[in-house]
Amino acid sequence: MGKITNEELLASINSKFEGQIITLGDPYGLLTVETNAETITALLGFIKTTPPFNLFI
């Protein structure tokens, strides 16, 4: 599996959770996503279970 960029991950998150993201960016190369409490669990589940992200497996 190739390395995924912050830009690719941000684009995927933004398209999946459009309208539910408060802040999205990567200042200083650190991926930053701000959302509400109702969305955070779904967002983390999306990152965990969606190839090619699977960051926690």
C-alpha atoms as a PDB file:
ATOM      1  CA  MET A   1       0.000   0.000   0.000  1.00  0.00           C
ATOM      2  CA  GLY A   2       1.327   3.425  -0.953  1.00  0.00           C
ATOM      3  CA  LYS A   3       1.566   6.370   1.350  1.00  0.00           C
ATOM      4  CA  ILE A   4      -1.563   8.529   1.454  1.00  0.00           C
ATOM      5  CA  THR A   5      -1.214  12.297   1.554  1.00  0.00           C
ATOM      6  CA  ASN A   6      -3.009  14.681   3.882  1.00  0.00           C
ATOM      7  CA  GLU A   7      -4.621  16.290   0.844  1.00  0.00           C
ATOM      8  CA  GLU A   8      -6.132  12.972  -0.283  1.00  0.00           C
ATOM      9  CA  LEU A   9      -7.477  12.230   3.186  1.00  0.00           C
ATOM     10  CA  LEU A  10      -8.859  15.756   3.594  1.00  0.00           C
ATOM     11  CA  ALA A  11     -10.599  15.594   0.209  1.00  0.00           C
ATOM     12  CA  SER A  12     -12.191  12.268   1.083  1.00  0.00           C
ATOM     13  CA  ILE A  13     -13.353  13.474   4.511  1.00  0.00           C
ATOM     14  CA  ASN A  14     -14.724  16.685   3.042  1.00  0.00           C
ATOM     15  CA  SER A  15     -16.719  14.859   0.368  1.00  0.00           C
ATOM     16  CA  LYS A  16     -18.105  12.250   2.803  1.00  0.00           C
ATOM     17  CA  PHE A  17     -18.967  14.683   5.624  1.00  0.00           C
ATOM     18  CA  GLU A  18     -19.796  17.805   3.633  1.00  0.00           C
ATOM     19  CA  GLY A  19     -21.653  20.315   5.795  1.00  0.00           C
ATOM     20  CA  GLN A  20     -20.598  18.576   9.033  1.00  0.00           C
ATOM     21  CA  ILE A  21     -16.989  19.780   9.142  1.00  0.00           C
ATOM     22  CA  ILE A  22     -16.252  23.007  11.024  1.00  0.00           C
ATOM     23  CA  THR A  23     -12.534  23.318  10.228  1.00  0.00           C
ATOM     24  CA  LEU A  24     -10.462  21.272   7.796  1.00  0.00           C
ATOM     25  CA  GLY A  25      -6.793  21.792   6.993  1.00  0.00           C
ATOM     26  CA  ASP A  26      -3.190  20.798   7.546  1.00  0.00           C
ATOM     27  CA  PRO A  27      -1.299  23.708   9.082  1.00  0.00           C
ATOM     28  CA  TYR A  28       2.403  22.915   9.455  1.00  0.00           C
ATOM     29  CA  GLY A  29       1.734  19.462   7.936  1.00  0.00           C
ATOM     30  CA  LEU A  30      -0.475  18.333  10.842  1.00  0.00           C
ATOM     31  CA  LEU A  31      -3.868  17.081   9.720  1.00  0.00           C
ATOM     32  CA  THR A  32      -6.604  19.027  11.513  1.00  0.00           C
ATOM     33  CA  VAL A  33     -10.333  18.293  11.412  1.00  0.00           C
ATOM     34  CA  GLU A  34     -12.878  19.973  13.666  1.00  0.00           C
ATOM     35  CA  THR A  35     -16.438  18.703  13.793  1.00  0.00           C
ATOM     36  CA  ASN A  36     -19.288  18.384  16.260  1.00  0.00           C
ATOM     37  CA  ALA A  37     -19.736  15.638  18.852  1.00  0.00           C
ATOM     38  CA  GLU A  38     -22.438  13.911  16.808  1.00  0.00           C
ATOM     39  CA  THR A  39     -20.139  13.470  13.784  1.00  0.00           C
ATOM     40  CA  ILE A  40     -16.767  12.602  15.324  1.00  0.00           C
ATOM     41  CA  THR A  41     -17.527   8.901  15.902  1.00  0.00           C
ATOM     42  CA  ALA A  42     -18.708   8.397  12.320  1.00  0.00           C
ATOM     43  CA  LEU A  43     -15.704  10.307  10.979  1.00  0.00           C
ATOM     44  CA  LEU A  44     -13.198   8.223  12.944  1.00  0.00           C
ATOM     45  CA  GLY A  45     -15.014   5.036  11.916  1.00  0.00           C
ATOM     46  CA  PHE A  46     -14.779   6.148   8.285  1.00  0.00           C
ATOM     47  CA  ILE A  47     -11.023   6.678   8.581  1.00  0.00           C
ATOM     48  CA  LYS A  48     -10.557   3.376  10.386  1.00  0.00           C
ATOM     49  CA  THR A  49     -12.535   1.189   8.001  1.00  0.00           C
ATOM     50  CA  THR A  50     -12.129   2.809   4.571  1.00  0.00           C
ATOM     51  CA  PRO A  51      -9.257   1.621   2.399  1.00  0.00           C
ATOM     52  CA  PRO A  52      -6.719   2.989   1.701  1.00  0.00           C
ATOM     53  CA  PHE A  53      -6.831   4.905   4.992  1.00  0.00           C
ATOM     54  CA  ASN A  54      -7.130   2.074   7.556  1.00  0.00           C
ATOM     55  CA  LEU A  55      -4.821   4.081   9.800  1.00  0.00           C
ATOM     56  CA  PHE A  56      -5.523   2.081  12.943  1.00  0.00           C
ATOM     57  CA  ILE A  57      -5.315  -1.457  11.571  1.00  0.00           C
END
